[in-house]
């Protein structure tokens, strides 16, 4: 594990949290709804990683992650259910 989520080289965190362009990252529709500008979206995204978020429905976030991880993989193989991955 890494001490900071931005330290994981395969994470989309830097692109989403700073607006740093990464050709491998396509903004998710939920991310696009975080604000009207790139700066506003990046700020809201960073805030979402602060501890003890009040009033945030984490189940909606988890549902999005589960939905994204059950889509077919780019190599054509079927994804494993999250339960098998220990999530």
PDB file of N, CA and C in Angstrom:
ATOM      1  N   UNK A   1       0.828  -1.185   0.000  1.00  0.00           N
ATOM      2  CA  UNK A   1       0.000   0.000   0.000  1.00  0.00           C
ATOM      3  C   UNK A   1       0.872   1.248   0.000  1.00  0.00           C
ATOM      4  N   UNK A   2       0.254   2.356  -0.333  1.00  0.00           N
ATOM      5  CA  UNK A   2       0.964   3.633  -0.356  1.00  0.00           C
ATOM      6  C   UNK A   2       0.429   4.526   0.759  1.00  0.00           C
ATOM      7  N   UNK A   3       1.257   5.459   1.195  1.00  0.00           N
ATOM      8  CA  UNK A   3       0.844   6.370   2.267  1.00  0.00           C
ATOM      9  C   UNK A   3      -0.195   7.372   1.781  1.00  0.00           C
ATOM     10  N   UNK A   4      -0.164   7.695   0.497  1.00  0.00           N
ATOM     11  CA  UNK A   4      -1.063   8.685  -0.080  1.00  0.00           C
ATOM     12  C   UNK A   4      -1.627   8.096  -1.369  1.00  0.00           C
ATOM     13  N   UNK A   5      -2.921   8.215  -1.567  1.00  0.00           N
ATOM     14  CA  UNK A   5      -3.554   7.626  -2.748  1.00  0.00           C
ATOM     15  C   UNK A   5      -2.913   8.130  -4.042  1.00  0.00           C
ATOM     16  N   UNK A   6      -2.411   9.339  -4.057  1.00  0.00           N
ATOM     17  CA  UNK A   6      -1.742   9.875  -5.232  1.00  0.00           C
ATOM     18  C   UNK A   6      -0.405   9.221  -5.502  1.00  0.00           C
ATOM     19  N   UNK A   7       0.111   8.479  -4.540  1.00  0.00           N
ATOM     20  CA  UNK A   7       1.384   7.809  -4.702  1.00  0.00           C
ATOM     21  C   UNK A   7       1.302   6.491  -5.446  1.00  0.00           C
ATOM     22  N   UNK A   8       0.103   5.993  -5.664  1.00  0.00           N
ATOM     23  CA  UNK A   8      -0.068   4.739  -6.390  1.00  0.00           C
ATOM     24  C   UNK A   8      -0.049   5.043  -7.881  1.00  0.00           C
ATOM     25  N   UNK A   9       0.929   4.538  -8.589  1.00  0.00           N
ATOM     26  CA  UNK A   9       1.143   4.930  -9.977  1.00  0.00           C
ATOM     27  C   UNK A   9       0.008   4.559 -10.916  1.00  0.00           C
ATOM     28  N   UNK A  10      -0.816   3.599 -10.562  1.00  0.00           N
ATOM     29  CA  UNK A  10      -1.906   3.196 -11.455  1.00  0.00           C
ATOM     30  C   UNK A  10      -3.239   3.850 -11.068  1.00  0.00           C
ATOM     31  N   UNK A  11      -3.217   4.757 -10.124  1.00  0.00           N
ATOM     32  CA  UNK A  11      -4.433   5.410  -9.663  1.00  0.00           C
ATOM     33  C   UNK A  11      -4.825   6.566 -10.583  1.00  0.00           C
ATOM     34  N   UNK A  12      -6.107   6.799 -10.713  1.00  0.00           N
ATOM     35  CA  UNK A  12      -6.596   7.953 -11.464  1.00  0.00           C
ATOM     36  C   UNK A  12      -6.681   9.188 -10.572  1.00  0.00           C
ATOM     37  N   UNK A  13      -6.256   9.048  -9.329  1.00  0.00           N
ATOM     38  CA  UNK A  13      -6.382  10.138  -8.368  1.00  0.00           C
ATOM     39  C   UNK A  13      -5.735  11.431  -8.871  1.00  0.00           C
ATOM     40  N   UNK A  14      -4.503  11.383  -9.340  1.00  0.00           N
ATOM     41  CA  UNK A  14      -3.824  12.611  -9.766  1.00  0.00           C
ATOM     42  C   UNK A  14      -4.577  13.324 -10.884  1.00  0.00           C
ATOM     43  N   UNK A  15      -5.068  12.575 -11.841  1.00  0.00           N
ATOM     44  CA  UNK A  15      -5.822  13.194 -12.935  1.00  0.00           C
ATOM     45  C   UNK A  15      -7.094  13.842 -12.419  1.00  0.00           C
ATOM     46  N   UNK A  16      -7.798  13.150 -11.542  1.00  0.00           N
ATOM     47  CA  UNK A  16      -9.069  13.671 -11.037  1.00  0.00           C
ATOM     48  C   UNK A  16      -8.892  14.756  -9.981  1.00  0.00           C
ATOM     49  N   UNK A  17      -7.892  14.627  -9.131  1.00  0.00           N
ATOM     50  CA  UNK A  17      -7.722  15.565  -8.017  1.00  0.00           C
ATOM     51  C   UNK A  17      -6.980  16.843  -8.399  1.00  0.00           C
ATOM     52  N   UNK A  18      -6.196  16.781  -9.472  1.00  0.00           N
ATOM     53  CA  UNK A  18      -5.409  17.957  -9.842  1.00  0.00           C
ATOM     54  C   UNK A  18      -5.741  18.489 -11.217  1.00  0.00           C
ATOM     55  N   UNK A  19      -6.438  17.701 -12.011  1.00  0.00           N
ATOM     56  CA  UNK A  19      -6.722  18.109 -13.378  1.00  0.00           C
ATOM     57  C   UNK A  19      -5.562  17.807 -14.312  1.00  0.00           C
ATOM     58  N   UNK A  20      -4.530  17.140 -13.785  1.00  0.00           N
ATOM     59  CA  UNK A  20      -3.372  16.759 -14.602  1.00  0.00           C
ATOM     60  C   UNK A  20      -3.847  15.833 -15.713  1.00  0.00           C
ATOM     61  N   UNK A  21      -3.604  16.219 -16.956  1.00  0.00           N
ATOM     62  CA  UNK A  21      -4.093  15.427 -18.083  1.00  0.00           C
ATOM     63  C   UNK A  21      -3.380  14.084 -18.164  1.00  0.00           C
ATOM     64  N   UNK A  22      -4.163  13.055 -18.375  1.00  0.00           N
ATOM     65  CA  UNK A  22      -3.644  11.703 -18.538  1.00  0.00           C
ATOM     66  C   UNK A  22      -4.459  11.063 -19.653  1.00  0.00           C
ATOM     67  N   UNK A  23      -3.814  10.738 -20.754  1.00  0.00           N
ATOM     68  CA  UNK A  23      -4.534  10.198 -21.906  1.00  0.00           C
ATOM     69  C   UNK A  23      -5.183   8.849 -21.615  1.00  0.00           C
ATOM     70  N   UNK A  24      -4.770   8.202 -20.540  1.00  0.00           N
ATOM     71  CA  UNK A  24      -5.341   6.909 -20.177  1.00  0.00           C
ATOM     72  C   UNK A  24      -6.624   7.043 -19.352  1.00  0.00           C
ATOM     73  N   UNK A  25      -6.930   8.251 -18.904  1.00  0.00           N
ATOM     74  CA  UNK A  25      -8.077   8.472 -18.028  1.00  0.00           C
ATOM     75  C   UNK A  25      -9.177   9.207 -18.789  1.00  0.00           C
ATOM     76  N   UNK A  26     -10.360   8.631 -18.788  1.00  0.00           N
ATOM     77  CA  UNK A  26     -11.545   9.294 -19.348  1.00  0.00           C
ATOM     78  C   UNK A  26     -12.432   9.686 -18.171  1.00  0.00           C
ATOM     79  N   UNK A  27     -12.788  10.963 -18.062  1.00  0.00           N
ATOM     80  CA  UNK A  27     -13.607  11.389 -16.925  1.00  0.00           C
ATOM     81  C   UNK A  27     -14.928  10.626 -16.858  1.00  0.00           C
ATOM     82  N   UNK A  28     -15.235  10.127 -15.683  1.00  0.00           N
ATOM     83  CA  UNK A  28     -16.475   9.396 -15.431  1.00  0.00           C
ATOM     84  C   UNK A  28     -17.630  10.396 -15.368  1.00  0.00           C
ATOM     85  N   UNK A  29     -18.824  10.023 -15.828  1.00  0.00           N
ATOM     86  CA  UNK A  29     -19.973  10.935 -15.756  1.00  0.00           C
ATOM     87  C   UNK A  29     -20.252  11.459 -14.345  1.00  0.00           C
ATOM     88  N   UNK A  30     -20.042  10.632 -13.336  1.00  0.00           N
ATOM     89  CA  UNK A  30     -20.248  11.085 -11.956  1.00  0.00           C
ATOM     90  C   UNK A  30     -19.226  12.162 -11.608  1.00  0.00           C
ATOM     91  N   UNK A  31     -17.988  11.979 -12.055  1.00  0.00           N
ATOM     92  CA  UNK A  31     -16.943  12.990 -11.824  1.00  0.00           C
ATOM     93  C   UNK A  31     -17.328  14.300 -12.504  1.00  0.00           C
ATOM     94  N   UNK A  32     -17.847  14.235 -13.707  1.00  0.00           N
ATOM     95  CA  UNK A  32     -18.234  15.436 -14.453  1.00  0.00           C
ATOM     96  C   UNK A  32     -19.306  16.241 -13.710  1.00  0.00           C
ATOM     97  N   UNK A  33     -20.123  15.560 -12.925  1.00  0.00           N
ATOM     98  CA  UNK A  33     -21.197  16.230 -12.184  1.00  0.00           C
ATOM     99  C   UNK A  33     -20.714  16.905 -10.910  1.00  0.00           C
ATOM    100  N   UNK A  34     -19.429  16.747 -10.567  1.00  0.00           N
ATOM    101  CA  UNK A  34     -18.913  17.333  -9.331  1.00  0.00           C
ATOM    102  C   UNK A  34     -18.774  18.845  -9.397  1.00  0.00           C
ATOM    103  N   UNK A  35     -18.775  19.420 -10.594  1.00  0.00           N
ATOM    104  CA  UNK A  35     -18.649  20.868 -10.711  1.00  0.00           C
ATOM    105  C   UNK A  35     -18.712  21.332 -12.146  1.00  0.00           C
ATOM    106  N   UNK A  36     -18.843  22.646 -12.323  1.00  0.00           N
ATOM    107  CA  UNK A  36     -18.959  23.225 -13.661  1.00  0.00           C
ATOM    108  C   UNK A  36     -17.614  23.448 -14.336  1.00  0.00           C
ATOM    109  N   UNK A  37     -16.551  23.489 -13.562  1.00  0.00           N
ATOM    110  CA  UNK A  37     -15.219  23.705 -14.117  1.00  0.00           C
ATOM    111  C   UNK A  37     -14.296  22.584 -13.657  1.00  0.00           C
ATOM    112  N   UNK A  38     -13.168  22.447 -14.340  1.00  0.00           N
ATOM    113  CA  UNK A  38     -12.185  21.439 -13.942  1.00  0.00           C
ATOM    114  C   UNK A  38     -11.713  21.697 -12.521  1.00  0.00           C
ATOM    115  N   UNK A  39     -11.472  22.962 -12.201  1.00  0.00           N
ATOM    116  CA  UNK A  39     -11.001  23.305 -10.853  1.00  0.00           C
ATOM    117  C   UNK A  39     -12.036  22.920  -9.796  1.00  0.00           C
ATOM    118  N   UNK A  40     -13.309  23.175 -10.077  1.00  0.00           N
ATOM    119  CA  UNK A  40     -14.374  22.838  -9.122  1.00  0.00           C
ATOM    120  C   UNK A  40     -14.495  21.323  -8.961  1.00  0.00           C
ATOM    121  N   UNK A  41     -14.387  20.596 -10.070  1.00  0.00           N
ATOM    122  CA  UNK A  41     -14.466  19.124  -9.993  1.00  0.00           C
ATOM    123  C   UNK A  41     -13.282  18.564  -9.204  1.00  0.00           C
ATOM    124  N   UNK A  42     -12.087  19.084  -9.474  1.00  0.00           N
ATOM    125  CA  UNK A  42     -10.897  18.606  -8.773  1.00  0.00           C
ATOM    126  C   UNK A  42     -11.002  18.890  -7.276  1.00  0.00           C
ATOM    127  N   UNK A  43     -11.491  20.069  -6.921  1.00  0.00           N
ATOM    128  CA  UNK A  43     -11.651  20.419  -5.509  1.00  0.00           C
ATOM    129  C   UNK A  43     -12.640  19.462  -4.832  1.00  0.00           C
ATOM    130  N   UNK A  44     -13.788  19.247  -5.452  1.00  0.00           N
ATOM    131  CA  UNK A  44     -14.803  18.363  -4.874  1.00  0.00           C
ATOM    132  C   UNK A  44     -14.274  16.933  -4.767  1.00  0.00           C
ATOM    133  N   UNK A  45     -13.517  16.517  -5.751  1.00  0.00           N
ATOM    134  CA  UNK A  45     -12.943  15.169  -5.732  1.00  0.00           C
ATOM    135  C   UNK A  45     -11.965  15.028  -4.570  1.00  0.00           C
ATOM    136  N   UNK A  46     -11.082  16.005  -4.401  1.00  0.00           N
ATOM    137  CA  UNK A  46     -10.126  15.960  -3.282  1.00  0.00           C
ATOM    138  C   UNK A  46     -10.859  15.941  -1.949  1.00  0.00           C
ATOM    139  N   UNK A  47     -11.894  16.764  -1.826  1.00  0.00           N
ATOM    140  CA  UNK A  47     -12.673  16.807  -0.577  1.00  0.00           C
ATOM    141  C   UNK A  47     -13.297  15.443  -0.269  1.00  0.00           C
ATOM    142  N   UNK A  48     -13.631  14.695  -1.305  1.00  0.00           N
ATOM    143  CA  UNK A  48     -14.270  13.396  -1.090  1.00  0.00           C
ATOM    144  C   UNK A  48     -13.334  12.398  -0.420  1.00  0.00           C
ATOM    145  N   UNK A  49     -12.037  12.699  -0.404  1.00  0.00           N
ATOM    146  CA  UNK A  49     -11.078  11.796   0.232  1.00  0.00           C
ATOM    147  C   UNK A  49     -10.749  12.200   1.662  1.00  0.00           C
ATOM    148  N   UNK A  50     -11.315  13.309   2.111  1.00  0.00           N
ATOM    149  CA  UNK A  50     -11.086  13.712   3.492  1.00  0.00           C
ATOM    150  C   UNK A  50     -11.857  12.782   4.419  1.00  0.00           C
ATOM    151  N   UNK A  51     -11.315  12.546   5.572  1.00  0.00           N
ATOM    152  CA  UNK A  51     -11.968  11.637   6.497  1.00  0.00           C
ATOM    153  C   UNK A  51     -13.229  12.261   7.095  1.00  0.00           C
ATOM    154  N   UNK A  52     -14.094  11.418   7.551  1.00  0.00           N
ATOM    155  CA  UNK A  52     -15.318  11.809   8.227  1.00  0.00           C
ATOM    156  C   UNK A  52     -16.194  12.745   7.400  1.00  0.00           C
ATOM    157  N   UNK A  53     -16.540  12.297   6.185  1.00  0.00           N
ATOM    158  CA  UNK A  53     -17.435  13.086   5.353  1.00  0.00           C
ATOM    159  C   UNK A  53     -18.832  13.061   5.953  1.00  0.00           C
ATOM    160  N   UNK A  54     -19.373  14.205   6.134  1.00  0.00           N
ATOM    161  CA  UNK A  54     -20.716  14.304   6.709  1.00  0.00           C
ATOM    162  C   UNK A  54     -21.729  14.499   5.579  1.00  0.00           C
ATOM    163  N   UNK A  55     -22.801  13.732   5.630  1.00  0.00           N
ATOM    164  CA  UNK A  55     -23.870  13.882   4.654  1.00  0.00           C
ATOM    165  C   UNK A  55     -23.596  13.229   3.306  1.00  0.00           C
ATOM    166  N   UNK A  56     -22.529  12.445   3.192  1.00  0.00           N
ATOM    167  CA  UNK A  56     -22.229  11.787   1.931  1.00  0.00           C
ATOM    168  C   UNK A  56     -22.770  10.363   1.969  1.00  0.00           C
ATOM    169  N   UNK A  57     -23.533  10.023   0.971  1.00  0.00           N
ATOM    170  CA  UNK A  57     -24.082   8.683   0.863  1.00  0.00           C
ATOM    171  C   UNK A  57     -23.030   7.784   0.218  1.00  0.00           C
ATOM    172  N   UNK A  58     -22.241   7.138   1.052  1.00  0.00           N
ATOM    173  CA  UNK A  58     -21.171   6.284   0.536  1.00  0.00           C
ATOM    174  C   UNK A  58     -21.726   5.086  -0.235  1.00  0.00           C
ATOM    175  N   UNK A  59     -22.960   4.690   0.027  1.00  0.00           N
ATOM    176  CA  UNK A  59     -23.516   3.545  -0.688  1.00  0.00           C
ATOM    177  C   UNK A  59     -23.638   3.856  -2.178  1.00  0.00           C
ATOM    178  N   UNK A  60     -23.922   5.108  -2.527  1.00  0.00           N
ATOM    179  CA  UNK A  60     -24.000   5.492  -3.941  1.00  0.00           C
ATOM    180  C   UNK A  60     -22.632   5.367  -4.604  1.00  0.00           C
ATOM    181  N   UNK A  61     -21.592   5.748  -3.881  1.00  0.00           N
ATOM    182  CA  UNK A  61     -20.229   5.630  -4.403  1.00  0.00           C
ATOM    183  C   UNK A  61     -19.879   4.160  -4.578  1.00  0.00           C
ATOM    184  N   UNK A  62     -20.194   3.360  -3.567  1.00  0.00           N
ATOM    185  CA  UNK A  62     -19.910   1.928  -3.647  1.00  0.00           C
ATOM    186  C   UNK A  62     -20.680   1.279  -4.786  1.00  0.00           C
ATOM    187  N   UNK A  63     -21.919   1.691  -5.013  1.00  0.00           N
ATOM    188  CA  UNK A  63     -22.703   1.148  -6.118  1.00  0.00           C
ATOM    189  C   UNK A  63     -22.044   1.462  -7.455  1.00  0.00           C
ATOM    190  N   UNK A  64     -21.522   2.689  -7.608  1.00  0.00           N
ATOM    191  CA  UNK A  64     -20.837   3.066  -8.842  1.00  0.00           C
ATOM    192  C   UNK A  64     -19.598   2.210  -9.059  1.00  0.00           C
ATOM    193  N   UNK A  65     -18.846   1.994  -7.986  1.00  0.00           N
ATOM    194  CA  UNK A  65     -17.631   1.177  -8.093  1.00  0.00           C
ATOM    195  C   UNK A  65     -17.996  -0.250  -8.462  1.00  0.00           C
ATOM    196  N   UNK A  66     -19.000  -0.791  -7.798  1.00  0.00           N
ATOM    197  CA  UNK A  66     -19.423  -2.160  -8.110  1.00  0.00           C
ATOM    198  C   UNK A  66     -19.891  -2.272  -9.557  1.00  0.00           C
ATOM    199  N   UNK A  67     -20.630  -1.291 -10.015  1.00  0.00           N
ATOM    200  CA  UNK A  67     -21.104  -1.305 -11.401  1.00  0.00           C
ATOM    201  C   UNK A  67     -19.928  -1.266 -12.373  1.00  0.00           C
ATOM    202  N   UNK A  68     -18.966  -0.396 -12.097  1.00  0.00           N
ATOM    203  CA  UNK A  68     -17.806  -0.257 -12.981  1.00  0.00           C
ATOM    204  C   UNK A  68     -16.955  -1.513 -12.990  1.00  0.00           C
ATOM    205  N   UNK A  69     -16.886  -2.196 -11.862  1.00  0.00           N
ATOM    206  CA  UNK A  69     -16.030  -3.377 -11.784  1.00  0.00           C
ATOM    207  C   UNK A  69     -16.719  -4.648 -12.247  1.00  0.00           C
ATOM    208  N   UNK A  70     -17.982  -4.569 -12.629  1.00  0.00           N
ATOM    209  CA  UNK A  70     -18.656  -5.747 -13.166  1.00  0.00           C
ATOM    210  C   UNK A  70     -18.777  -5.662 -14.679  1.00  0.00           C
ATOM    211  N   UNK A  71     -18.249  -4.609 -15.279  1.00  0.00           N
ATOM    212  CA  UNK A  71     -18.255  -4.473 -16.730  1.00  0.00           C
ATOM    213  C   UNK A  71     -17.174  -5.387 -17.312  1.00  0.00           C
ATOM    214  N   UNK A  72     -17.354  -5.829 -18.554  1.00  0.00           N
ATOM    215  CA  UNK A  72     -16.318  -6.662 -19.170  1.00  0.00           C
ATOM    216  C   UNK A  72     -14.971  -5.934 -19.187  1.00  0.00           C
ATOM    217  N   UNK A  73     -13.910  -6.679 -19.005  1.00  0.00           N
ATOM    218  CA  UNK A  73     -12.577  -6.102 -19.005  1.00  0.00           C
ATOM    219  C   UNK A  73     -12.149  -5.792 -20.436  1.00  0.00           C
ATOM    220  N   UNK A  74     -11.143  -4.939 -20.583  1.00  0.00           N
ATOM    221  CA  UNK A  74     -10.675  -4.550 -21.912  1.00  0.00           C
ATOM    222  C   UNK A  74     -10.061  -5.730 -22.668  1.00  0.00           C
ATOM    223  N   UNK A  75      -9.625  -6.764 -21.943  1.00  0.00           N
ATOM    224  CA  UNK A  75      -9.049  -7.935 -22.615  1.00  0.00           C
ATOM    225  C   UNK A  75     -10.120  -8.967 -22.985  1.00  0.00           C
ATOM    226  N   UNK A  76     -11.393  -8.618 -22.758  1.00  0.00           N
ATOM    227  CA  UNK A  76     -12.498  -9.485 -23.135  1.00  0.00           C
ATOM    228  C   UNK A  76     -12.877 -10.526 -22.099  1.00  0.00           C
ATOM    229  N   UNK A  77     -12.083 -10.661 -21.043  1.00  0.00           N
ATOM    230  CA  UNK A  77     -12.391 -11.643 -20.015  1.00  0.00           C
ATOM    231  C   UNK A  77     -13.482 -11.108 -19.095  1.00  0.00           C
ATOM    232  N   UNK A  78     -14.242 -12.023 -18.536  1.00  0.00           N
ATOM    233  CA  UNK A  78     -15.298 -11.630 -17.601  1.00  0.00           C
ATOM    234  C   UNK A  78     -14.676 -11.206 -16.274  1.00  0.00           C
ATOM    235  N   UNK A  79     -15.221 -10.167 -15.653  1.00  0.00           N
ATOM    236  CA  UNK A  79     -14.693  -9.746 -14.347  1.00  0.00           C
ATOM    237  C   UNK A  79     -15.084 -10.738 -13.264  1.00  0.00           C
ATOM    238  N   UNK A  80     -14.249 -10.817 -12.214  1.00  0.00           N
ATOM    239  CA  UNK A  80     -14.600 -11.626 -11.045  1.00  0.00           C
ATOM    240  C   UNK A  80     -15.490 -10.784 -10.145  1.00  0.00           C
ATOM    241  N   UNK A  81     -16.488 -11.386  -9.517  1.00  0.00           N
ATOM    242  CA  UNK A  81     -17.312 -10.620  -8.561  1.00  0.00           C
ATOM    243  C   UNK A  81     -16.450 -10.051  -7.444  1.00  0.00           C
ATOM    244  N   UNK A  82     -16.808  -8.874  -6.957  1.00  0.00           N
ATOM    245  CA  UNK A  82     -16.042  -8.233  -5.898  1.00  0.00           C
ATOM    246  C   UNK A  82     -15.908  -9.100  -4.666  1.00  0.00           C
ATOM    247  N   UNK A  83     -16.932  -9.900  -4.379  1.00  0.00           N
ATOM    248  CA  UNK A  83     -16.889 -10.752  -3.206  1.00  0.00           C
ATOM    249  C   UNK A  83     -15.722 -11.727  -3.289  1.00  0.00           C
ATOM    250  N   UNK A  84     -15.409 -12.211  -4.505  1.00  0.00           N
ATOM    251  CA  UNK A  84     -14.287 -13.119  -4.691  1.00  0.00           C
ATOM    252  C   UNK A  84     -12.953 -12.410  -4.507  1.00  0.00           C
ATOM    253  N   UNK A  85     -12.962 -11.090  -4.668  1.00  0.00           N
ATOM    254  CA  UNK A  85     -11.741 -10.310  -4.537  1.00  0.00           C
ATOM    255  C   UNK A  85     -11.536  -9.839  -3.101  1.00  0.00           C
ATOM    256  N   UNK A  86     -12.481 -10.176  -2.219  1.00  0.00           N
ATOM    257  CA  UNK A  86     -12.356  -9.784  -0.836  1.00  0.00           C
ATOM    258  C   UNK A  86     -12.812  -8.366  -0.550  1.00  0.00           C
ATOM    259  N   UNK A  87     -13.662  -7.809  -1.416  1.00  0.00           N
ATOM    260  CA  UNK A  87     -14.157  -6.437  -1.227  1.00  0.00           C
ATOM    261  C   UNK A  87     -15.500  -6.485  -0.566  1.00  0.00           C
TER     262      UNK A  87
END
